[in-house]
C-alpha atoms as a PDB file:
ATOM      1  CA  MET A   1    -100.798  14.467  24.050  1.00  0.00           C
ATOM      2  CA  LYS A   2    -103.018  13.947  27.058  1.00  0.00           C
ATOM      3  CA  LYS A   3    -103.985  10.465  25.876  1.00  0.00           C
ATOM      4  CA  LEU A   4    -100.329   9.545  25.501  1.00  0.00           C
ATOM      5  CA  PHE A   5     -99.637  10.780  29.024  1.00  0.00           C
ATOM      6  CA  LEU A   6    -102.513   8.760  30.395  1.00  0.00           C
ATOM      7  CA  ILE A   7    -101.401   5.639  28.580  1.00  0.00           C
ATOM      8  CA  THR A   8     -97.878   6.147  29.895  1.00  0.00           C
ATOM      9  CA  VAL A   9     -99.065   6.612  33.442  1.00  0.00           C
ATOM     10  CA  LEU A  10    -101.375   3.639  33.074  1.00  0.00           C
ATOM     11  CA  PHE A  11     -98.500   1.515  31.873  1.00  0.00           C
ATOM     12  CA  LEU A  12     -96.362   2.641  34.805  1.00  0.00           C
ATOM     13  CA  GLY A  13     -99.129   1.822  37.249  1.00  0.00           C
ATOM     14  CA  VAL A  14     -99.793  -1.603  35.762  1.00  0.00           C
ATOM     15  CA  PHE A  15     -96.084  -2.329  35.546  1.00  0.00           C
ATOM     16  CA  SER A  16     -95.552  -1.269  39.166  1.00  0.00           C
ATOM     17  CA  LEU A  17     -98.383  -3.438  40.376  1.00  0.00           C
ATOM     18  CA  ALA A  18     -97.213  -6.365  38.274  1.00  0.00           C
ATOM     19  CA  GLN A  19     -93.751  -6.032  39.767  1.00  0.00           C
ATOM     20  CA  ALA A  20     -95.267  -5.976  43.253  1.00  0.00           C
ATOM     21  CA  GLN A  21     -96.955  -9.319  42.525  1.00  0.00           C
ATOM     22  CA  ARG A  22     -93.741 -11.022  41.483  1.00  0.00           C
ATOM     23  CA  GLY A  23     -91.923 -13.391  43.767  1.00  0.00           C
ATOM     24  CA  THR A  24     -88.245 -13.150  44.606  1.00  0.00           C
ATOM     25  CA  GLY A  25     -87.253 -13.561  40.950  1.00  0.00           C
ATOM     26  CA  GLN A  26     -87.001  -9.851  40.303  1.00  0.00           C
ATOM     27  CA  ARG A  27     -84.988  -8.554  37.407  1.00  0.00           C
ATOM     28  CA  PRO A  28     -81.792  -6.702  38.217  1.00  0.00           C
ATOM     29  CA  SER A  29     -81.927  -2.950  37.766  1.00  0.00           C
ATOM     30  CA  GLN A  30     -79.990  -1.185  35.056  1.00  0.00           C
ATOM     31  CA  SER A  31     -77.161  -0.513  37.490  1.00  0.00           C
ATOM     32  CA  GLY A  32     -76.663  -4.261  37.867  1.00  0.00           C
ATOM     33  CA  GLY A  33     -77.962  -4.563  41.428  1.00  0.00           C
ATOM     34  CA  GLU A  34     -81.178  -6.074  42.687  1.00  0.00           C
ATOM     35  CA  ARG A  35     -84.242  -3.905  42.333  1.00  0.00           C
ATOM     36  CA  GLN A  36     -85.984  -3.331  45.633  1.00  0.00           C
ATOM     37  CA  ARG A  37     -89.732  -3.380  45.911  1.00  0.00           C
ATOM     38  CA  MET A  38     -91.202  -0.133  46.987  1.00  0.00           C
ATOM     39  CA  ASP A  39     -94.308  -0.128  49.100  1.00  0.00           C
ATOM     40  CA  PRO A  40     -97.074   2.311  48.157  1.00  0.00           C
ATOM     41  CA  ALA A  41     -96.072   4.822  50.844  1.00  0.00           C
ATOM     42  CA  GLU A  42     -92.473   4.862  49.587  1.00  0.00           C
ATOM     43  CA  ARG A  43     -93.669   5.253  46.002  1.00  0.00           C
ATOM     44  CA  VAL A  44     -95.888   8.190  46.985  1.00  0.00           C
ATOM     45  CA  GLU A  45     -92.993   9.783  48.852  1.00  0.00           C
ATOM     46  CA  ARG A  46     -90.664   9.345  45.868  1.00  0.00           C
ATOM     47  CA  GLN A  47     -93.228  10.780  43.424  1.00  0.00           C
ATOM     48  CA  THR A  48     -93.879  13.716  45.737  1.00  0.00           C
ATOM     49  CA  GLN A  49     -90.184  14.495  46.166  1.00  0.00           C
ATOM     50  CA  ARG A  50     -89.596  14.255  42.425  1.00  0.00           C
ATOM     51  CA  LEU A  51     -92.353  16.778  41.720  1.00  0.00           C
ATOM     52  CA  LYS A  52     -91.235  19.010  44.589  1.00  0.00           C
ATOM     53  CA  GLU A  53     -87.762  19.231  43.078  1.00  0.00           C
ATOM     54  CA  THR A  54     -88.895  19.459  39.463  1.00  0.00           C
ATOM     55  CA  LEU A  55     -91.598  22.083  40.014  1.00  0.00           C
ATOM     56  CA  SER A  56     -90.136  23.911  43.037  1.00  0.00           C
ATOM     57  CA  LEU A  57     -93.292  23.231  45.026  1.00  0.00           C
ATOM     58  CA  THR A  58     -93.994  25.154  48.192  1.00  0.00           C
ATOM     59  CA  ASP A  59     -94.389  23.217  51.436  1.00  0.00           C
ATOM     60  CA  GLU A  60     -98.161  23.675  51.229  1.00  0.00           C
ATOM     61  CA  GLN A  61     -98.273  22.414  47.639  1.00  0.00           C
ATOM     62  CA  THR A  62     -96.059  19.470  48.566  1.00  0.00           C
ATOM     63  CA  VAL A  63     -98.447  18.362  51.302  1.00  0.00           C
ATOM     64  CA  LYS A  64    -101.408  18.613  48.921  1.00  0.00           C
ATOM     65  CA  VAL A  65     -99.617  16.767  46.095  1.00  0.00           C
ATOM     66  CA  LYS A  66     -98.655  13.987  48.494  1.00  0.00           C
ATOM     67  CA  ALA A  67    -102.296  13.685  49.574  1.00  0.00           C
ATOM     68  CA  ILE A  68    -103.357  13.438  45.908  1.00  0.00           C
ATOM     69  CA  PHE A  69    -100.774  10.743  45.155  1.00  0.00           C
ATOM     70  CA  THR A  70    -101.844   8.831  48.263  1.00  0.00           C
ATOM     71  CA  LYS A  71    -105.520   9.044  47.344  1.00  0.00           C
ATOM     72  CA  TYR A  72    -104.998   7.803  43.786  1.00  0.00           C
ATOM     73  CA  SER A  73    -102.521   5.129  44.840  1.00  0.00           C
ATOM     74  CA  GLU A  74    -105.217   3.732  47.100  1.00  0.00           C
ATOM     75  CA  LYS A  75    -107.784   3.917  44.282  1.00  0.00           C
ATOM     76  CA  GLN A  76    -105.471   1.962  41.987  1.00  0.00           C
ATOM     77  CA  ARG A  77    -104.818  -0.651  44.632  1.00  0.00           C
ATOM     78  CA  GLU A  78    -108.547  -1.046  45.249  1.00  0.00           C
ATOM     79  CA  ALA A  79    -109.262  -1.376  41.526  1.00  0.00           C
ATOM     80  CA  PHE A  80    -106.685  -4.129  41.139  1.00  0.00           C
ATOM     81  CA  GLU A  81    -107.896  -5.949  44.251  1.00  0.00           C
ATOM     82  CA  LYS A  82    -111.477  -5.740  43.021  1.00  0.00           C
ATOM     83  CA  ALA A  83    -110.496  -7.090  39.606  1.00  0.00           C
ATOM     84  CA  ARG A  84    -108.508  -9.917  41.189  1.00  0.00           C
ATOM     85  CA  ALA A  85    -111.292 -10.799  43.642  1.00  0.00           C
ATOM     86  CA  SER A  86    -113.988 -10.816  40.969  1.00  0.00           C
ATOM     87  CA  GLY A  87    -112.514 -13.946  39.423  1.00  0.00           C
ATOM     88  CA  GLU A  88    -113.299 -12.628  35.954  1.00  0.00           C
ATOM     89  CA  GLU A  89    -110.818 -12.938  33.149  1.00  0.00           C
ATOM     90  CA  PHE A  90    -108.452  -9.979  33.047  1.00  0.00           C
ATOM     91  CA  ASP A  91    -109.597  -7.407  30.513  1.00  0.00           C
ATOM     92  CA  PRO A  92    -106.643  -5.114  29.752  1.00  0.00           C
ATOM     93  CA  GLU A  93    -108.740  -2.645  27.769  1.00  0.00           C
ATOM     94  CA  LYS A  94    -111.219  -2.230  30.611  1.00  0.00           C
ATOM     95  CA  MET A  95    -108.408  -1.808  33.148  1.00  0.00           C
ATOM     96  CA  ARG A  96    -106.612   0.639  30.853  1.00  0.00           C
ATOM     97  CA  SER A  97    -109.691   2.814  30.494  1.00  0.00           C
ATOM     98  CA  GLN A  98    -110.249   2.797  34.263  1.00  0.00           C
ATOM     99  CA  MET A  99    -106.620   3.695  34.878  1.00  0.00           C
ATOM    100  CA  GLN A 100    -106.731   6.462  32.285  1.00  0.00           C
ATOM    101  CA  ALA A 101    -109.762   8.001  33.957  1.00  0.00           C
ATOM    102  CA  THR A 102    -108.098   7.773  37.348  1.00  0.00           C
ATOM    103  CA  MET A 103    -104.856   9.285  36.079  1.00  0.00           C
ATOM    104  CA  ALA A 104    -106.714  12.099  34.303  1.00  0.00           C
ATOM    105  CA  SER A 105    -108.418  12.997  37.570  1.00  0.00           C
ATOM    106  CA  GLN A 106    -105.106  12.905  39.423  1.00  0.00           C
ATOM    107  CA  ASP A 107    -103.473  15.036  36.752  1.00  0.00           C
ATOM    108  CA  ASN A 108    -106.256  17.615  36.922  1.00  0.00           C
ATOM    109  CA  GLU A 109    -106.076  17.814  40.710  1.00  0.00           C
ATOM    110  CA  ILE A 110    -102.325  18.366  40.622  1.00  0.00           C
ATOM    111  CA  LYS A 111    -102.582  20.994  37.895  1.00  0.00           C
ATOM    112  CA  ALA A 112    -105.184  22.867  39.949  1.00  0.00           C
ATOM    113  CA  LEU A 113    -102.554  23.402  42.661  1.00  0.00           C
ATOM    114  CA  LEU A 114     -99.866  24.761  40.367  1.00  0.00           C
ATOM    115  CA  THR A 115     -98.917  28.238  39.274  1.00  0.00           C
ATOM    116  CA  ALA A 116     -98.731  29.017  35.555  1.00  0.00           C
ATOM    117  CA  GLU A 117     -94.941  28.591  35.585  1.00  0.00           C
ATOM    118  CA  GLN A 118     -95.201  25.281  37.421  1.00  0.00           C
ATOM    119  CA  LYS A 119     -97.810  24.022  34.958  1.00  0.00           C
ATOM    120  CA  VAL A 120     -95.357  24.587  32.097  1.00  0.00           C
ATOM    121  CA  LYS A 121     -92.685  22.617  33.996  1.00  0.00           C
ATOM    122  CA  TYR A 122     -95.238  19.915  34.819  1.00  0.00           C
ATOM    123  CA  GLU A 123     -96.163  19.511  31.151  1.00  0.00           C
ATOM    124  CA  ALA A 124     -92.458  19.207  30.273  1.00  0.00           C
ATOM    125  CA  HIS A 125     -92.051  16.626  33.048  1.00  0.00           C
ATOM    126  CA  ILE A 126     -94.986  14.655  31.661  1.00  0.00           C
ATOM    127  CA  LYS A 127     -93.612  14.814  28.121  1.00  0.00           C
ATOM    128  CA  GLU A 128     -90.198  13.586  29.284  1.00  0.00           C
ATOM    129  CA  ARG A 129     -91.796  10.672  31.137  1.00  0.00           C
ATOM    130  CA  GLN A 130     -93.841   9.767  28.047  1.00  0.00           C
ATOM    131  CA  GLU A 131     -90.709   9.725  25.924  1.00  0.00           C
ATOM    132  CA  ARG A 132     -88.916   7.473  28.428  1.00  0.00           C
ATOM    133  CA  MET A 133     -91.863   5.079  28.392  1.00  0.00           C
ATOM    134  CA  GLN A 134     -91.988   5.046  24.597  1.00  0.00           C
ATOM    135  CA  ASN A 135     -88.274   4.260  24.500  1.00  0.00           C
ATOM    136  CA  PHE A 136     -88.720   1.551  27.130  1.00  0.00           C
ATOM    137  CA  ARG A 137     -91.583  -0.074  25.250  1.00  0.00           C
ATOM    138  CA  GLY A 138     -89.680   0.192  21.980  1.00  0.00           C
ATOM    139  CA  GLU A 139     -86.711  -1.745  23.406  1.00  0.00           C
ATOM    140  CA  ARG A 140     -88.775  -4.724  24.584  1.00  0.00           C
ATOM    141  CA  PRO A 141     -89.110  -7.706  22.255  1.00  0.00           C
ATOM    142  CA  GLY A 142     -92.461  -7.898  20.498  1.00  0.00           C
ATOM    143  CA  ASN A 143     -93.168  -4.170  20.734  1.00  0.00           C
ATOM    144  CA  ASN A 144     -93.106  -2.117  17.577  1.00  0.00           C
END
């Protein structure tokens, strides 16, 4: 279960960064409009607000969760910049394992802030996200 969550989060991170590297030829969103790029600060804010609403976080927890998202967002950005600057051929397995480790650390830090009731909600939130990602990957051509 935890591995699936990490893979899902890794995929989201890689997908988000890949989208950020695209030019103006972005795909339209499901609603039919143009998808706007979200800078890292906006993404952190959106993730924080989503968890705040889902888990009923206190103001203190919200501030700490936002700091965690910011910290790990920066780590991901640095990892991708380092990989790009190295000039080496892209190794998806290596990047996946690095992202999984990073996401596991982030997950553990967030869980450490939560009450028992919030942890149950957080696990359900994670499971729902994993299912959405599995459905998304299943709909793309070439994915079985």
